[in-house]
Amino acid sequence: MGYRNRAIAILLALAGIFLPGLHKFYLRQPLWGGVYLMLGLLFSTVPNGSLGSIARIACVIEAVWYLFQGADAFDATFNPEISAVVPKLPASRLEEAN
């Protein structure tokens, strides 16, 4: 499996302005990556091009979501094998440790 870095996911989602779907492939969601890629590339050649724009806008929205989501929530969603192994200490116990 492998650890998925939140910063890389954010950068790939922002790169979706030019090539949508890269972040979905990185986050082990190849079906959604293919949908974003198809919408972004195939439908951007249509004169209206609105479907391609939707994929690009969705990438930017997801980049902002990953940015404000927080590391713990990101790991719980995209790194469940890591977050299940690492125990979380309550804030009061963390202060006592210092």
Foldseek 3Di string as FASTA:
>chain_A
DDDQDLVVLLVVLLVCLPAFLPSCVSLVNVVVSVVLRCQQPVLCPPPVSVSNVVSNVVSNVVSVCSVPVDDLNCCVVRVVVVNVPDDDDPPVVVVVVD
